Amino acid sequence: MAEAAQGRVQEAVESMVQGLERERIRGMQGAMFRCSAQCCENSTASMQQVQQCIERCHAPLARAQAIVTGELEHFQDRLSRCTLHCNDKARDALEAGGGE
C-alpha cells in the first residue's frame, strides 16, 4: 500500500515538473538562447562584454531553475517528515495494541 502511494506521489511530481518544463522553462530557454545569440553577434563588444551579456541572458533561467529545485527539495523534506510521523504513529498504535 505504501509503495502504491509512493508511486502516485512520484507520478504526480513528475507530471507537474514536465508540465512546468513544457509551459515555462522551454520558453525561458528559447529566450536565453536568442538573447545569447544576439550577444555573440555584437562585433564591437569585447570578449568580456559578450560573456557578461550571455550571463545576463542566462540569469532569469538560472533563477527559475533554482526556485524549482528549492521548492522540490522543500517538498521532499516535508514528505520525509510526514512519512516519519506516520511511521511513528503506526508504531505507537501497534505497541499500544500489543500491551492490552
C-alpha atoms as a PDB file:
ATOM      1  CA  MET A   1       0.000   0.000   0.000  1.00  0.00           C
ATOM      2  CA  ALA A   2       2.811   2.409   0.866  1.00  0.00           C
ATOM      3  CA  GLU A   3       4.553   1.599  -2.412  1.00  0.00           C
ATOM      4  CA  ALA A   4       1.383   2.445  -4.350  1.00  0.00           C
ATOM      5  CA  ALA A   5       1.073   5.782  -2.553  1.00  0.00           C
ATOM      6  CA  GLN A   6       4.743   6.498  -3.188  1.00  0.00           C
ATOM      7  CA  GLY A   7       4.251   5.705  -6.871  1.00  0.00           C
ATOM      8  CA  ARG A   8       1.262   8.050  -7.107  1.00  0.00           C
ATOM      9  CA  VAL A   9       3.191  10.872  -5.453  1.00  0.00           C
ATOM     10  CA  GLN A  10       6.173  10.294  -7.741  1.00  0.00           C
ATOM     11  CA  GLU A  11       3.956  10.297 -10.838  1.00  0.00           C
ATOM     12  CA  ALA A  12       2.219  13.492  -9.713  1.00  0.00           C
ATOM     13  CA  VAL A  13       5.535  15.259  -9.088  1.00  0.00           C
ATOM     14  CA  GLU A  14       6.977  14.110 -12.414  1.00  0.00           C
ATOM     15  CA  SER A  15       3.838  15.251 -14.229  1.00  0.00           C
ATOM     16  CA  MET A  16       3.997  18.654 -12.544  1.00  0.00           C
ATOM     17  CA  VAL A  17       7.692  19.083 -13.369  1.00  0.00           C
ATOM     18  CA  GLN A  18       7.145  18.047 -17.001  1.00  0.00           C
ATOM     19  CA  GLY A  19       4.258  20.499 -17.335  1.00  0.00           C
ATOM     20  CA  LEU A  20       6.326  23.277 -15.805  1.00  0.00           C
ATOM     21  CA  GLU A  21       9.204  22.477 -18.140  1.00  0.00           C
ATOM     22  CA  ARG A  22       6.947  22.482 -21.211  1.00  0.00           C
ATOM     23  CA  GLU A  23       4.908  25.551 -20.279  1.00  0.00           C
ATOM     24  CA  ARG A  24       7.560  27.809 -18.733  1.00  0.00           C
ATOM     25  CA  ILE A  25      11.140  26.569 -18.779  1.00  0.00           C
ATOM     26  CA  ARG A  26      11.345  25.839 -22.516  1.00  0.00           C
ATOM     27  CA  GLY A  27      10.190  29.356 -23.330  1.00  0.00           C
ATOM     28  CA  MET A  28      12.770  30.777 -20.964  1.00  0.00           C
ATOM     29  CA  GLN A  29      15.446  28.578 -22.543  1.00  0.00           C
ATOM     30  CA  GLY A  30      14.492  29.800 -26.004  1.00  0.00           C
ATOM     31  CA  ALA A  31      14.639  33.417 -24.855  1.00  0.00           C
ATOM     32  CA  MET A  32      18.014  32.792 -23.224  1.00  0.00           C
ATOM     33  CA  PHE A  33      19.477  31.250 -26.381  1.00  0.00           C
ATOM     34  CA  ARG A  34      18.119  34.035 -28.601  1.00  0.00           C
ATOM     35  CA  CYS A  35      19.453  36.669 -26.223  1.00  0.00           C
ATOM     36  CA  SER A  36      22.842  34.917 -26.076  1.00  0.00           C
ATOM     37  CA  ALA A  37      22.980  34.733 -29.868  1.00  0.00           C
ATOM     38  CA  GLN A  38      22.435  38.497 -30.037  1.00  0.00           C
ATOM     39  CA  CYS A  39      25.309  38.960 -27.589  1.00  0.00           C
ATOM     40  CA  CYS A  40      27.574  36.930 -29.862  1.00  0.00           C
ATOM     41  CA  GLU A  41      26.517  38.883 -32.936  1.00  0.00           C
ATOM     42  CA  ASN A  42      27.765  42.150 -31.423  1.00  0.00           C
ATOM     43  CA  SER A  43      31.029  42.533 -33.318  1.00  0.00           C
ATOM     44  CA  THR A  44      32.052  45.672 -31.419  1.00  0.00           C
ATOM     45  CA  ALA A  45      31.868  44.090 -27.957  1.00  0.00           C
ATOM     46  CA  SER A  46      34.924  42.724 -26.203  1.00  0.00           C
ATOM     47  CA  MET A  47      35.128  39.089 -25.191  1.00  0.00           C
ATOM     48  CA  GLN A  48      34.407  40.095 -21.580  1.00  0.00           C
ATOM     49  CA  GLN A  49      31.379  42.177 -22.610  1.00  0.00           C
ATOM     50  CA  VAL A  50      29.991  39.279 -24.634  1.00  0.00           C
ATOM     51  CA  GLN A  51      30.490  36.930 -21.683  1.00  0.00           C
ATOM     52  CA  GLN A  52      28.734  39.354 -19.325  1.00  0.00           C
ATOM     53  CA  CYS A  53      25.901  39.750 -21.815  1.00  0.00           C
ATOM     54  CA  ILE A  54      25.486  35.969 -22.030  1.00  0.00           C
ATOM     55  CA  GLU A  55      25.480  35.704 -18.231  1.00  0.00           C
ATOM     56  CA  ARG A  56      22.729  38.362 -18.052  1.00  0.00           C
ATOM     57  CA  CYS A  57      20.734  36.367 -20.596  1.00  0.00           C
ATOM     58  CA  HIS A  58      21.098  33.199 -18.532  1.00  0.00           C
ATOM     59  CA  ALA A  59      20.224  34.809 -15.172  1.00  0.00           C
ATOM     60  CA  PRO A  60      16.392  34.584 -15.387  1.00  0.00           C
ATOM     61  CA  LEU A  61      16.510  30.903 -16.324  1.00  0.00           C
ATOM     62  CA  ALA A  62      19.065  30.154 -13.605  1.00  0.00           C
ATOM     63  CA  ARG A  63      16.852  31.898 -11.013  1.00  0.00           C
ATOM     64  CA  ALA A  64      13.781  29.963 -12.163  1.00  0.00           C
ATOM     65  CA  GLN A  65      15.643  26.656 -12.048  1.00  0.00           C
ATOM     66  CA  ALA A  66      16.960  27.453  -8.568  1.00  0.00           C
ATOM     67  CA  ILE A  67      13.435  28.224  -7.369  1.00  0.00           C
ATOM     68  CA  VAL A  68      12.056  24.978  -8.801  1.00  0.00           C
ATOM     69  CA  THR A  69      14.920  22.985  -7.285  1.00  0.00           C
ATOM     70  CA  GLY A  70      14.433  24.664  -3.908  1.00  0.00           C
ATOM     71  CA  GLU A  71      10.695  24.028  -3.914  1.00  0.00           C
ATOM     72  CA  LEU A  72      11.177  20.378  -4.842  1.00  0.00           C
ATOM     73  CA  GLU A  73      13.719  19.976  -2.035  1.00  0.00           C
ATOM     74  CA  HIS A  74      11.308  21.663   0.397  1.00  0.00           C
ATOM     75  CA  PHE A  75       8.504  19.332  -0.724  1.00  0.00           C
ATOM     76  CA  GLN A  76      10.761  16.283  -0.333  1.00  0.00           C
ATOM     77  CA  ASP A  77      11.746  17.382   3.181  1.00  0.00           C
ATOM     78  CA  ARG A  78       8.102  17.826   4.185  1.00  0.00           C
ATOM     79  CA  LEU A  79       7.172  14.490   2.655  1.00  0.00           C
ATOM     80  CA  SER A  80      10.001  12.773   4.539  1.00  0.00           C
ATOM     81  CA  ARG A  81       8.916  14.348   7.826  1.00  0.00           C
ATOM     82  CA  CYS A  82       5.329  13.305   7.156  1.00  0.00           C
ATOM     83  CA  THR A  83       6.415   9.740   6.430  1.00  0.00           C
ATOM     84  CA  LEU A  84       8.435   9.594   9.648  1.00  0.00           C
ATOM     85  CA  HIS A  85       5.490  10.976  11.632  1.00  0.00           C
ATOM     86  CA  CYS A  86       3.108   8.404  10.123  1.00  0.00           C
ATOM     87  CA  ASN A  87       5.570   5.591  10.818  1.00  0.00           C
ATOM     88  CA  ASP A  88       5.887   6.742  14.429  1.00  0.00           C
ATOM     89  CA  LYS A  89       2.106   6.878  14.841  1.00  0.00           C
ATOM     90  CA  ALA A  90       1.713   3.392  13.366  1.00  0.00           C
ATOM     91  CA  ARG A  91       4.467   2.015  15.600  1.00  0.00           C
ATOM     92  CA  ASP A  92       2.910   3.652  18.671  1.00  0.00           C
ATOM     93  CA  ALA A  93      -0.509   2.248  17.774  1.00  0.00           C
ATOM     94  CA  LEU A  94       0.936  -1.252  17.359  1.00  0.00           C
ATOM     95  CA  GLU A  95       2.799  -1.041  20.650  1.00  0.00           C
ATOM     96  CA  ALA A  96      -0.288   0.247  22.469  1.00  0.00           C
ATOM     97  CA  GLY A  97      -2.425  -2.510  20.948  1.00  0.00           C
ATOM     98  CA  GLY A  98       0.080  -5.217  21.810  1.00  0.00           C
ATOM     99  CA  GLY A  99       0.170  -4.294  25.502  1.00  0.00           C
ATOM    100  CA  GLU A 100      -3.574  -4.663  26.046  1.00  0.00           C
END
